[in-house]
Protein backbone atom coordinates (compact mmCIF):
# COMPACT_ATOMS: atom_id res chain seq x y z
CA MET A 1 20.17 -10.87 -9.16
CA LEU A 2 17.66 -13.64 -11.06
CA PRO A 3 16.31 -11.64 -14.21
CA VAL A 4 12.67 -10.99 -14.36
CA VAL A 5 11.01 -11.30 -17.97
CA ILE A 6 7.03 -11.13 -17.76
CA ALA A 7 4.44 -10.55 -20.36
CA VAL A 8 0.71 -9.84 -19.12
CA PRO A 9 -1.81 -10.20 -21.34
CA LEU A 10 -4.94 -7.34 -21.26
CA SER A 11 -7.13 -10.46 -19.46
CA ALA A 12 -8.23 -11.85 -16.67
CA SER A 13 -4.79 -12.86 -15.49
CA ASN A 14 -4.21 -8.67 -15.52
CA PRO A 15 -4.42 -7.51 -12.41
CA LEU A 16 -5.74 -4.58 -13.87
CA ALA A 17 -8.45 -5.82 -15.95
CA PRO A 18 -11.87 -4.45 -14.86
CA PRO A 19 -14.13 -6.46 -12.04
CA SER A 20 -16.43 -8.57 -13.78
CA LYS A 21 -20.07 -7.93 -12.51
CA ASN A 22 -19.88 -11.23 -10.40
CA SER A 23 -16.41 -10.82 -8.87
CA ASP A 24 -16.88 -11.39 -5.03
CA VAL A 25 -13.06 -10.14 -4.20
CA ALA A 26 -15.13 -6.39 -3.04
CA VAL A 27 -17.51 -8.31 -1.65
CA ARG A 28 -15.48 -10.45 0.36
CA PHE A 29 -13.34 -7.59 1.61
CA LEU A 30 -16.02 -5.75 2.53
CA HIS A 31 -17.65 -8.10 4.73
CA HIS A 32 -14.57 -9.44 6.21
CA PHE A 33 -13.65 -5.72 7.43
CA GLY A 34 -17.39 -5.20 8.55
CA LEU A 35 -18.57 -2.70 6.24
CA LEU A 36 -21.29 -5.31 4.83
CA SER A 37 -23.05 -7.77 6.68
CA ALA A 38 -23.64 -11.47 5.69
CA ASP A 39 -26.89 -10.26 4.31
CA ASP A 40 -26.05 -6.75 2.75
CA ALA A 41 -23.04 -8.90 1.06
CA GLN A 42 -25.30 -11.52 -0.61
CA ASN A 43 -27.54 -8.05 -1.54
CA ALA A 44 -24.57 -6.33 -2.85
CA SER A 45 -22.77 -9.60 -4.71
CA SER A 46 -24.96 -8.27 -8.04
CA SER A 47 -24.03 -4.06 -7.74
CA GLY A 48 -21.37 -2.09 -6.37
CA GLU A 49 -23.67 0.80 -6.23
CA VAL A 50 -26.08 -1.06 -3.63
CA ALA A 51 -22.61 -1.50 -1.48
CA VAL A 52 -22.16 2.07 -1.76
CA ARG A 53 -25.47 2.98 -0.31
CA GLN A 54 -25.51 0.20 2.61
CA ILE A 55 -21.62 1.38 3.36
CA ALA A 56 -22.54 4.80 3.68
CA GLU A 57 -25.97 4.21 5.49
CA PRO A 58 -24.43 3.70 9.15
CA LEU A 59 -22.10 6.99 8.73
CA LEU A 60 -24.99 9.50 7.42
CA ARG A 61 -26.59 9.01 10.77
CA HIS A 62 -23.44 11.00 12.08
CA THR A 63 -23.03 13.14 8.92
CA PRO A 64 -26.26 13.47 7.25
CA ASN A 65 -25.13 16.33 5.12
CA ASP A 66 -22.03 14.18 3.41
CA ASP A 67 -21.54 12.87 0.26
CA PRO A 68 -22.43 8.86 0.71
CA ARG A 69 -20.09 8.37 -2.26
CA LEU A 70 -17.09 9.76 -0.12
CA LEU A 71 -18.40 8.27 3.10
CA ALA A 72 -18.19 5.01 1.62
CA LEU A 73 -14.97 5.57 -0.15
CA GLY A 74 -13.34 6.98 3.10
CA ALA A 75 -14.53 3.89 4.69
CA VAL A 76 -13.24 1.55 1.94
CA ALA A 77 -9.58 2.94 1.90
CA SER A 78 -9.57 3.27 6.00
CA ALA A 79 -10.07 -0.56 6.24
CA PHE A 80 -7.78 -0.78 3.24
CA SER A 81 -5.03 0.95 5.26
CA THR A 82 -4.82 -1.70 7.66
CA LEU A 83 -3.33 -3.90 5.18
CA PRO A 84 0.41 -3.78 5.74
CA TYR A 85 3.00 -3.14 3.28
CA GLU A 86 4.97 -6.24 2.85
CA ASN A 87 7.64 -7.97 0.35
CA LEU A 88 7.35 -11.16 2.56
CA THR A 89 4.26 -12.50 0.09
CA ARG A 90 6.36 -11.47 -3.34
CA ILE A 91 9.80 -13.21 -1.74
CA ILE A 92 8.11 -16.42 -1.39
CA ARG A 93 5.64 -16.05 -4.73
CA TYR A 94 8.98 -15.14 -6.77
CA HIS A 95 12.20 -17.06 -5.10
CA GLU A 96 10.30 -20.43 -4.22
CA GLN A 97 6.79 -20.75 -6.01
CA ARG A 98 8.34 -19.97 -9.12
CA LEU A 99 4.99 -17.87 -10.04
CA SER A 100 4.61 -14.75 -11.64
CA PRO A 101 4.94 -12.04 -9.30
CA PHE A 102 2.18 -9.99 -9.73
CA ARG A 103 -0.38 -10.59 -7.25
CA THR A 104 -3.77 -10.11 -8.65
CA PRO A 105 -6.53 -8.78 -6.26
CA GLU A 106 -7.95 -12.26 -6.01
CA ILE A 107 -4.83 -13.48 -4.31
CA VAL A 108 -4.15 -10.20 -2.40
CA VAL A 109 -7.55 -10.33 -0.54
CA SER A 110 -7.26 -13.85 -0.34
CA ASP A 111 -4.39 -14.25 1.51
CA HIS A 112 -4.87 -11.26 3.90
CA ILE A 113 -7.90 -13.10 4.89
CA ALA A 114 -5.94 -16.16 5.53
CA ASP A 115 -2.62 -14.80 6.79
CA HIS A 116 -3.02 -11.31 7.58
CA SER A 117 -0.90 -10.37 4.97
CA GLY A 118 -0.85 -7.54 2.49
CA GLY A 119 1.35 -6.61 -0.47
CA THR A 120 3.67 -4.24 -1.87
CA CYS A 121 2.66 -0.95 -3.51
CA PHE A 122 1.86 -2.37 -6.98
CA SER A 123 -0.07 -5.34 -5.92
CA LEU A 124 -1.91 -2.78 -3.17
CA THR A 125 -3.16 -0.26 -5.93
CA SER A 126 -4.35 -2.92 -8.15
CA THR A 127 -6.33 -4.49 -5.32
CA LEU A 128 -7.93 -1.08 -3.99
CA LEU A 129 -8.34 -0.24 -8.04
CA HIS A 130 -10.45 -3.29 -8.25
CA ILE A 131 -12.79 -2.72 -5.26
CA VAL A 132 -13.21 1.08 -5.97
CA ARG A 133 -14.36 0.21 -9.88
CA TRP A 134 -16.38 -2.60 -8.69
CA LEU A 135 -18.26 -0.31 -6.49
CA GLY A 136 -19.23 1.60 -9.61
CA PHE A 137 -16.60 4.45 -9.33
CA GLU A 138 -14.31 5.87 -12.41
CA ALA A 139 -10.99 5.50 -10.89
CA GLU A 140 -7.57 4.97 -12.46
CA PRO A 141 -4.19 4.57 -11.25
CA LEU A 142 -1.22 7.07 -10.54
CA LEU A 143 2.53 6.60 -10.79
CA ALA A 144 4.83 8.84 -8.53
CA ASP A 145 8.49 9.54 -8.21
CA ARG A 146 11.06 9.26 -5.57
CA ARG A 147 14.34 10.15 -4.52
CA TYR A 148 15.77 7.12 -5.44
CA GLY A 149 13.53 6.48 -8.42
CA ALA A 150 10.94 7.00 -11.11
CA ASN A 151 7.39 5.12 -11.13
CA THR A 152 8.32 3.86 -7.57
CA HIS A 153 4.84 4.53 -5.76
CA SER A 154 1.51 4.37 -7.05
CA ALA A 155 -1.92 5.80 -5.98
CA LEU A 156 -5.78 6.03 -7.23
CA LEU A 157 -7.14 8.87 -8.96
CA VAL A 158 -11.18 8.79 -8.63
CA ARG A 159 -13.48 10.72 -10.46
CA ILE A 160 -16.52 12.26 -8.40
CA ASP A 161 -18.77 14.03 -10.67
CA GLY A 162 -16.06 14.23 -13.27
CA GLU A 163 -13.68 16.21 -10.76
CA PRO A 164 -10.41 14.19 -9.89
CA HIS A 165 -9.78 13.29 -5.90
CA LEU A 166 -6.68 11.49 -4.98
CA LEU A 167 -6.73 8.39 -2.75
CA ASP A 168 -3.59 7.12 -1.04
CA PRO A 169 -4.08 4.88 1.67
CA GLY A 170 -0.57 4.08 1.35
CA PHE A 171 -0.14 7.64 2.92
CA LEU A 172 -2.98 7.50 5.12
CA ILE A 173 -5.10 9.98 2.44
CA ASN A 174 -8.13 7.58 2.81
CA ARG A 175 -10.34 10.44 2.10
CA PRO A 176 -10.54 11.25 -1.49
CA VAL A 177 -8.89 14.80 -1.94
CA PRO A 178 -10.49 16.80 -4.85
CA LEU A 179 -7.20 17.95 -6.77
CA THR A 180 -8.59 21.02 -8.08
CA ALA A 181 -8.38 22.32 -4.20
CA ILE A 182 -4.62 22.26 -4.05
CA THR A 183 -2.53 25.20 -5.16
CA ALA A 184 1.19 25.63 -5.36
CA ALA A 185 1.52 27.85 -2.14
CA ASP A 186 -0.04 26.50 0.80
CA GLY A 187 -1.20 23.20 -0.61
CA ILE A 188 -3.33 21.17 1.57
CA GLU A 189 -2.36 19.44 5.13
CA LEU A 190 -3.94 16.10 6.44
CA PRO A 191 -3.58 14.93 9.65
CA THR A 192 -2.67 11.41 10.61
CA ASP A 193 -2.25 9.51 13.72
CA PHE A 194 1.62 10.13 13.64
CA ASN A 195 2.57 12.80 11.15
CA ARG A 196 1.08 15.44 8.82
CA VAL A 197 0.49 15.19 5.17
CA VAL A 198 1.15 17.96 2.77
CA LEU A 199 -0.33 18.04 -0.78
CA ARG A 200 1.24 20.90 -3.09
CA ARG A 201 0.66 21.73 -7.10
CA GLU A 202 3.82 21.61 -8.89
CA GLY A 203 3.16 22.54 -12.36
CA GLU A 204 0.26 21.82 -14.37
CA HIS A 205 0.52 18.02 -13.94
CA ALA A 206 2.14 17.06 -11.25
CA LEU A 207 1.77 17.09 -7.07
CA GLN A 208 4.10 17.11 -4.41
CA LEU A 209 3.73 14.92 -1.36
CA LEU A 210 5.52 16.31 2.19
CA THR A 211 5.20 15.17 5.54
CA ARG A 212 5.40 17.07 8.57
CA ASN A 213 6.65 16.36 12.30
CA ASN A 214 7.67 17.98 15.32
CA GLN A 215 10.98 16.52 15.39
CA GLN A 216 12.08 17.00 11.74
CA GLY A 217 10.04 19.38 10.28
CA GLU A 218 8.80 19.31 6.34
CA THR A 219 10.08 16.51 4.26
CA TYR A 220 9.80 15.65 0.72
CA ARG A 221 8.36 12.08 -0.16
CA LEU A 222 7.29 12.08 -3.50
CA THR A 223 5.72 13.52 -6.51
CA PHE A 224 2.91 12.52 -8.18
CA LYS A 225 1.97 12.97 -11.86
CA THR A 226 -1.53 13.56 -12.17
CA ARG A 227 -2.12 12.32 -15.49
CA PRO A 228 -3.44 8.83 -14.93
CA ALA A 229 -1.29 5.75 -16.01
CA ASP A 230 -2.59 3.21 -18.38
CA SER A 231 -2.26 -0.42 -17.86
CA ALA A 232 1.04 -0.99 -19.83
CA GLU A 233 2.79 2.00 -17.78
CA PHE A 234 1.77 0.80 -14.64
CA LEU A 235 2.81 -2.72 -15.50
CA ASN A 236 5.72 -1.72 -16.39
CA ALA A 237 6.47 0.35 -13.40
CA TRP A 238 5.33 -2.96 -11.28
CA GLN A 239 8.03 -4.83 -13.31
CA SER A 240 10.78 -2.36 -12.51
CA SER A 241 10.21 -2.90 -9.25
CA PHE A 242 11.40 -6.13 -9.10
CA GLU A 243 14.75 -5.25 -10.31
CA THR A 244 15.58 -3.40 -7.11
CA ASP A 245 16.81 -5.16 -3.97
CA ILE A 246 13.08 -5.53 -2.88
CA LEU A 247 13.46 -9.15 -2.93
CA HIS A 248 16.66 -9.67 -1.12
CA LYS A 249 15.20 -8.12 2.41
CA PRO A 250 11.93 -7.76 4.53
CA VAL A 251 10.62 -4.37 4.00
CA LEU A 252 7.45 -3.88 6.08
CA THR A 253 4.95 -0.68 7.35
CA LYS A 254 2.10 -0.83 9.16
CA VAL A 255 0.14 1.59 11.12
CA ALA A 256 -1.34 0.49 14.30
CA ASP A 257 -2.77 2.29 17.37
CA GLY A 258 -1.19 5.67 16.42
CA ARG A 259 2.10 4.57 15.82
CA GLN A 260 4.01 3.62 12.23
CA TRP A 261 6.06 0.36 12.63
CA PHE A 262 8.49 0.09 9.83
CA LEU A 263 11.22 -2.47 9.26
CA ASN A 264 14.02 -2.55 6.52
CA ALA A 265 16.07 -5.65 6.90
CA ARG A 266 17.07 -5.65 10.68
CA ARG A 267 16.21 -2.53 11.06
CA LEU A 268 12.97 -1.89 12.86
CA GLN A 269 11.52 2.10 13.40
CA VAL A 270 8.72 3.34 15.34
CA ARG A 271 7.19 6.74 14.73
CA GLU A 272 4.31 8.42 16.51
CA LEU A 273 3.19 11.78 16.91
CA GLY A 274 6.45 13.63 18.13
CA ASN A 275 8.58 10.56 18.65
CA SER A 276 10.44 8.04 16.83
CA SER A 277 13.04 5.32 17.52
CA LYS A 278 14.83 2.82 16.04
CA ARG A 279 16.55 -0.42 16.88
CA GLN A 280 18.37 -3.34 14.97
CA LEU A 281 16.74 -6.59 15.54
CA SER A 282 18.93 -10.25 16.44
CA ASP A 283 17.79 -13.25 14.84
CA GLU A 284 15.71 -14.29 17.99
CA GLU A 285 13.52 -10.97 17.46
CA LEU A 286 13.13 -10.83 13.63
CA LEU A 287 10.73 -13.45 13.53
CA ALA A 288 8.90 -12.80 16.64
CA GLU A 289 8.61 -8.89 15.69
CA ILE A 290 7.26 -8.96 12.68
CA VAL A 291 4.47 -11.59 13.59
CA ALA A 292 3.81 -9.16 16.67
CA ARG A 293 4.10 -5.95 14.74
CA PHE A 294 2.94 -6.53 11.31
CA GLY A 295 -0.12 -9.78 12.23
CA ILE A 296 1.33 -11.70 9.64
CA ARG A 297 0.80 -15.53 10.15
CA ARG A 298 3.59 -16.65 11.58
CA GLY A 299 3.85 -19.73 8.90
CA ILE A 300 4.35 -17.13 5.97
CA VAL A 301 7.07 -15.15 7.97
CA GLN A 302 9.49 -17.93 8.63
CA GLN A 303 9.13 -19.22 5.23
CA ALA A 304 10.29 -15.95 3.84
CA LEU A 305 12.85 -15.43 6.09
CA THR A 306 14.17 -19.11 5.53
CA ILE A 307 14.43 -18.17 1.73
CA LEU A 308 16.57 -14.94 2.33
CA ARG A 309 18.82 -17.04 4.90
CA ARG A 310 18.98 -19.33 2.03
CA GLN A 311 20.13 -16.72 -0.25
CA GLY A 312 22.77 -15.41 2.14
CA ASP A 313 20.42 -11.68 2.23
CA LEU A 314 20.21 -12.34 6.12
CA PRO A 315 23.48 -13.37 7.49
CA GLY A 316 23.47 -15.57 10.48
CA THR A 317 26.82 -14.73 12.13
CA PRO A 318 27.89 -11.31 14.27
CA ASP A 319 30.84 -10.52 11.38
CA GLN A 320 28.34 -11.42 8.78
CA ARG A 321 25.67 -9.36 10.08
CA ALA A 322 28.19 -6.47 10.87
CA ALA A 323 29.45 -6.82 7.13
CA HIS A 324 25.80 -6.98 5.88
CA PHE A 325 25.03 -3.61 7.83
CA VAL A 326 27.64 -1.89 6.97
CA ARG A 327 26.82 -2.69 2.80
CA SER A 328 23.00 -2.05 3.34
CA ALA A 329 22.88 0.96 5.85
CA ARG A 330 22.76 3.83 2.97
CA GLN A 331 20.17 1.92 1.14
CA ALA A 332 18.35 1.56 4.69
CA ASP A 333 18.39 5.22 5.11
CA ALA A 334 17.21 6.29 1.58
CA THR A 335 14.34 3.58 1.69
CA GLU A 336 13.12 5.03 5.29
CA ARG A 337 13.16 8.62 3.84
CA SER A 338 10.78 7.33 1.59
CA HIS A 339 8.07 6.39 3.82
CA GLY A 340 5.61 8.13 6.05
């Protein structure tokens, strides 16, 4: 595996750098998803607080007693959750272009608009953090531990009137959840299109996330550290993620039409409420299924798969694939248990 040595200064090149007042990343994102009209986008370009009111205004017609800030945050997070989790752009950027694998908010938003791509956990979190901060909210990143490693997931802590709230579009926690409302005994259960997410307090500074469905019952997913991570901690965790096998196989997740699509190497899993199925994809199916299910531009998918095949990470012959499946089966199962 190629070594990764990255030094990121706290400057404009830092993906966690505070958004400038004239940053257009958030405006382009909000306009792309129809949360701001062209006129509103132009008027909001100098003020995130103005954008919050403009996003919330049509929603308040249906729920006039709701806090417009919560409505705006929920609308932004719901739109953001449609970006696929995918490592194809990371594979291309690192292995072929030899660029820093840290994809900044500007890159993530521009690439999504052009290619319908998304990103991995840390690039998506830093992008949402940029947008939420530009909107005027006090927000910080959170890190979480999963069974296979510490600091392998990230989300947002957003303070509203000084009260900390959790926001994690990766697990479809799109409406900010106040941490003070989560207890150790019952916790909070949040329904999604294909399962139920359970948040449960674990001590003073930790929060468990579990999922429930009709087939498997309750499954532990991860533990959040509720103390926010500083820039150095977050960037170190991001850099450490490149030391895993994430650069050596396609891994994608997306929720659409009440289903979660999850691809790990060649194994495609589909989850919906009360049902789950898996199948192995052939060479011929792999490209077509990624384009169809995850919506990423065909040229991007083809480029990433070509890199993986050239490295021997996507073996082509039946015998090579069989040996590869045996070697990676345990890793695939561990990764699947950590998603959704």
